[in-house]
Amino acid sequence: MVYPQGGFRRATQYVLHRMRRLPDSPHRIARGVFAGSMVGFLPLPGMQFIAAWLASRAVKGNLLAALLATFNTNPITTPFFAVLSMTLGHWILGIQKPLSPEYIGGAFANAGTDLWFNIKALFGPEHTQWDGLAQFWHEIYLPYFLGALGPGLLFSALFYYLTIPLVTAYQKARAAKSRERSERRHKLREALAAAAAKLTHRSDASHGAGDDDAPGPS
């Protein structure tokens, strides 16, 4: 299913919860978030995890943080970001095409038709055709990729700077709780040891008193 069980809000909360609990330094986690977020904004279907792994290695970031950060886009927000990216890409490349649903859908349909025809052409006498795929590359994919770089860098940098204080605060709070639990356990062990020593002392004292009350030899 496209829509996650529990909704996108719960899925986002889970990702953020997992991000905060990563056992690594805040800066390495933030670098992983930056790398994974940047990959998440780019049109890399089926290759996001591989690209996130490579990007996290390049910036020496946390790998799991990078993989989790690729979920920054979802089926609800992606269409809006895609249109924004393609609009910027068309402006950068000087392409004058209306980004209407009919135009985008037609480009996808033509590319799919060419792809399927070329696959069948491998096993038959037909010659491959690339007009639809070329149109899709030059008017959809390449503008999308180029247009996504600017907003992707902007949002990923924002996520980077937000991650550091959030993870730092969480790790400090978690360490404080851990120290508090450790101190409570230590005090409990001390109290148990003192109670055990008191019981042992009373037992020894009662045995000693019993020996003094015993009758001596006649």
Protein backbone atom coordinates (compact mmCIF):
# COMPACT_ATOMS: atom_id res chain seq x y z
CA MET A 1 0.00 0.00 0.00
CA VAL A 2 1.11 3.58 -0.69
CA TYR A 3 -0.52 5.06 2.40
CA PRO A 4 1.29 3.74 5.50
CA GLN A 5 -0.70 2.04 8.24
CA GLY A 6 -1.32 4.62 10.96
CA GLY A 7 -0.89 7.57 8.59
CA PHE A 8 2.04 9.69 7.48
CA ARG A 9 2.13 11.56 10.79
CA ARG A 10 2.71 8.37 12.76
CA ALA A 11 5.25 7.15 10.19
CA THR A 12 7.09 10.48 10.43
CA GLN A 13 7.11 10.30 14.22
CA TYR A 14 8.54 6.79 14.06
CA VAL A 15 11.31 7.88 11.69
CA LEU A 16 12.18 10.86 13.92
CA HIS A 17 12.13 8.61 17.01
CA ARG A 18 14.50 6.15 15.37
CA MET A 19 16.70 9.03 14.21
CA ARG A 20 17.10 10.43 17.73
CA ARG A 21 18.00 7.02 19.18
CA LEU A 22 20.85 6.32 16.76
CA PRO A 23 24.05 5.49 18.69
CA ASP A 24 26.34 8.01 17.01
CA SER A 25 27.54 11.58 17.36
CA PRO A 26 25.01 14.32 16.49
CA HIS A 27 27.20 15.66 13.69
CA ARG A 28 27.56 12.25 12.00
CA ILE A 29 23.82 11.69 12.29
CA ALA A 30 23.17 15.17 10.86
CA ARG A 31 25.50 14.48 7.93
CA GLY A 32 23.63 11.25 7.27
CA VAL A 33 20.33 13.14 7.40
CA PHE A 34 21.67 15.69 4.92
CA ALA A 35 22.84 12.98 2.50
CA GLY A 36 19.66 10.90 2.72
CA SER A 37 17.37 13.92 2.51
CA MET A 38 19.15 15.18 -0.59
CA VAL A 39 18.80 11.78 -2.23
CA GLY A 40 15.13 11.65 -1.24
CA PHE A 41 14.39 14.82 -3.19
CA LEU A 42 16.04 13.56 -6.38
CA PRO A 43 14.20 11.42 -8.97
CA LEU A 44 16.04 8.14 -8.35
CA PRO A 45 13.31 5.48 -8.36
CA GLY A 46 14.57 2.12 -7.12
CA MET A 47 18.05 3.49 -6.40
CA GLN A 48 17.48 5.75 -3.39
CA PHE A 49 18.94 3.38 -0.79
CA ILE A 50 22.05 2.74 -2.90
CA ALA A 51 22.47 6.47 -3.58
CA ALA A 52 21.92 7.25 0.13
CA TRP A 53 24.60 4.72 1.07
CA LEU A 54 27.07 6.26 -1.39
CA ALA A 55 26.20 9.82 -0.31
CA SER A 56 26.56 8.98 3.39
CA ARG A 57 29.96 7.43 2.70
CA ALA A 58 30.99 10.55 0.77
CA VAL A 59 30.14 12.93 3.64
CA LYS A 60 31.14 10.45 6.41
CA GLY A 61 27.64 10.42 7.81
CA ASN A 62 25.60 7.83 9.68
CA LEU A 63 24.30 5.24 7.20
CA LEU A 64 21.06 4.42 9.02
CA ALA A 65 20.27 8.13 9.37
CA ALA A 66 20.78 8.53 5.62
CA LEU A 67 18.45 5.61 4.85
CA LEU A 68 15.77 6.93 7.20
CA ALA A 69 16.07 10.44 5.77
CA THR A 70 15.16 9.22 2.28
CA PHE A 71 11.57 9.01 3.57
CA ASN A 72 11.41 12.84 3.65
CA THR A 73 9.19 12.69 0.57
CA ASN A 74 5.90 10.81 0.31
CA PRO A 75 3.14 10.32 -2.28
CA ILE A 76 1.32 13.42 -0.99
CA THR A 77 4.17 15.94 -1.11
CA THR A 78 6.14 14.47 -4.04
CA PRO A 79 3.80 15.71 -6.84
CA PHE A 80 4.04 19.31 -5.59
CA PHE A 81 7.81 19.11 -5.27
CA ALA A 82 8.07 17.45 -8.68
CA VAL A 83 6.14 20.24 -10.38
CA LEU A 84 8.26 22.85 -8.59
CA SER A 85 11.46 21.06 -9.62
CA MET A 86 10.39 20.65 -13.24
CA THR A 87 9.33 24.29 -13.40
CA LEU A 88 12.76 25.36 -12.17
CA GLY A 89 14.42 22.88 -14.52
CA HIS A 90 12.48 24.14 -17.52
CA TRP A 91 13.46 27.70 -16.60
CA ILE A 92 17.15 26.70 -16.26
CA LEU A 93 17.15 24.83 -19.59
CA GLY A 94 14.94 27.33 -21.41
CA ILE A 95 12.21 24.77 -22.19
CA GLN A 96 8.82 26.27 -23.04
CA LYS A 97 6.35 23.49 -22.25
CA PRO A 98 3.12 23.62 -20.22
CA LEU A 99 3.47 21.44 -17.12
CA SER A 100 -0.11 20.22 -17.30
CA PRO A 101 -1.25 16.74 -16.20
CA GLU A 102 -1.94 15.91 -19.85
CA TYR A 103 1.57 16.89 -20.93
CA ILE A 104 3.31 15.03 -18.10
CA GLY A 105 1.07 11.98 -18.47
CA GLY A 106 1.63 11.92 -22.23
CA ALA A 107 5.41 12.07 -21.77
CA PHE A 108 5.28 9.13 -19.36
CA ALA A 109 3.00 7.20 -21.72
CA ASN A 110 5.25 7.79 -24.73
CA ALA A 111 8.34 6.74 -22.77
CA GLY A 112 6.59 3.59 -21.53
CA THR A 113 5.44 2.72 -25.05
CA ASP A 114 8.97 3.13 -26.43
CA LEU A 115 10.47 1.10 -23.61
CA TRP A 116 8.07 -1.79 -24.12
CA PHE A 117 8.50 -1.64 -27.91
CA ASN A 118 12.31 -1.72 -27.60
CA ILE A 119 12.16 -4.70 -25.26
CA LYS A 120 10.07 -6.61 -27.82
CA ALA A 121 12.40 -5.42 -30.61
CA LEU A 122 15.25 -7.30 -28.94
CA PHE A 123 13.49 -10.56 -29.87
CA GLY A 124 12.03 -9.56 -33.24
CA PRO A 125 12.79 -7.88 -36.54
CA GLU A 126 11.62 -4.39 -35.49
CA HIS A 127 14.05 -1.54 -35.03
CA THR A 128 14.19 0.28 -31.70
CA GLN A 129 12.62 3.71 -31.39
CA TRP A 130 13.72 6.40 -28.96
CA ASP A 131 11.58 9.46 -29.65
CA GLY A 132 9.35 9.04 -26.60
CA LEU A 133 12.23 8.16 -24.30
CA ALA A 134 14.28 11.10 -25.59
CA GLN A 135 11.36 13.44 -25.00
CA PHE A 136 10.92 12.10 -21.48
CA TRP A 137 14.64 12.52 -20.73
CA HIS A 138 15.00 16.05 -22.07
CA GLU A 139 11.63 17.48 -21.01
CA ILE A 140 10.78 15.58 -17.79
CA TYR A 141 13.62 13.74 -16.09
CA LEU A 142 16.56 16.09 -16.72
CA PRO A 143 14.60 19.25 -15.77
CA TYR A 144 13.27 17.45 -12.68
CA PHE A 145 16.77 16.40 -11.61
CA LEU A 146 18.36 19.82 -12.19
CA GLY A 147 15.43 21.68 -10.66
CA ALA A 148 15.45 19.47 -7.54
CA LEU A 149 19.08 20.25 -6.72
CA GLY A 150 18.45 23.78 -5.43
CA PRO A 151 15.40 23.12 -3.19
CA GLY A 152 16.88 19.76 -2.15
CA LEU A 153 20.10 21.40 -0.98
CA LEU A 154 18.15 24.11 0.83
CA PHE A 155 15.83 21.76 2.72
CA SER A 156 18.58 19.21 3.40
CA ALA A 157 20.80 21.92 4.89
CA LEU A 158 17.88 23.02 7.05
CA PHE A 159 17.35 19.43 8.24
CA TYR A 160 21.10 19.18 8.96
CA TYR A 161 21.10 22.22 11.25
CA LEU A 162 17.88 21.13 12.96
CA THR A 163 19.14 17.59 13.58
CA ILE A 164 22.24 18.57 15.58
CA PRO A 165 20.50 20.33 18.51
CA LEU A 166 17.61 17.84 18.53
CA VAL A 167 19.86 14.79 18.71
CA THR A 168 22.21 16.51 21.20
CA ALA A 169 19.32 17.39 23.52
CA TYR A 170 17.84 13.90 23.24
CA GLN A 171 21.15 12.19 23.94
CA LYS A 172 21.80 14.43 26.96
CA ALA A 173 18.33 13.75 28.35
CA ARG A 174 18.75 10.03 27.76
CA ALA A 175 22.17 10.04 29.44
CA ALA A 176 20.73 11.93 32.42
CA LYS A 177 17.93 9.39 32.76
CA SER A 178 20.44 6.56 32.50
CA ARG A 179 22.56 8.11 35.27
CA GLU A 180 19.47 8.61 37.41
CA ARG A 181 18.44 4.97 36.96
CA SER A 182 21.99 3.86 37.73
CA GLU A 183 22.05 5.95 40.90
CA ARG A 184 18.69 4.53 41.99
CA ARG A 185 19.92 0.99 41.41
CA HIS A 186 23.13 1.78 43.33
CA LYS A 187 21.17 3.21 46.27
CA LEU A 188 18.83 0.21 46.22
CA ARG A 189 21.79 -2.20 46.30
CA GLU A 190 23.30 -0.24 49.18
CA ALA A 191 20.00 -0.33 51.09
CA LEU A 192 19.65 -4.07 50.50
CA ALA A 193 23.24 -4.66 51.57
CA ALA A 194 22.71 -2.58 54.73
CA ALA A 195 19.50 -4.46 55.53
CA ALA A 196 21.24 -7.79 54.96
CA ALA A 197 24.14 -6.71 57.20
CA LYS A 198 21.70 -5.60 59.92
CA LEU A 199 19.87 -8.92 59.77
CA THR A 200 23.19 -10.78 59.94
CA HIS A 201 24.26 -8.68 62.95
CA ARG A 202 20.97 -9.35 64.75
CA SER A 203 21.25 -13.06 64.02
CA ASP A 204 24.81 -13.18 65.37
CA ALA A 205 23.74 -11.19 68.42
CA SER A 206 20.84 -13.54 69.15
CA HIS A 207 23.09 -16.59 68.80
CA GLY A 208 25.59 -14.98 71.16
CA ALA A 209 22.91 -14.26 73.73
CA GLY A 210 21.70 -17.84 73.50
CA ASP A 211 25.21 -19.15 74.22
CA ASP A 212 25.51 -16.93 77.34
CA ASP A 213 22.21 -18.21 78.75
CA ALA A 214 23.24 -21.87 78.34
CA PRO A 215 23.90 -23.68 81.76
CA GLY A 216 27.55 -24.32 82.58
CA PRO A 217 29.02 -27.66 83.69
CA SER A 218 27.98 -28.82 87.23
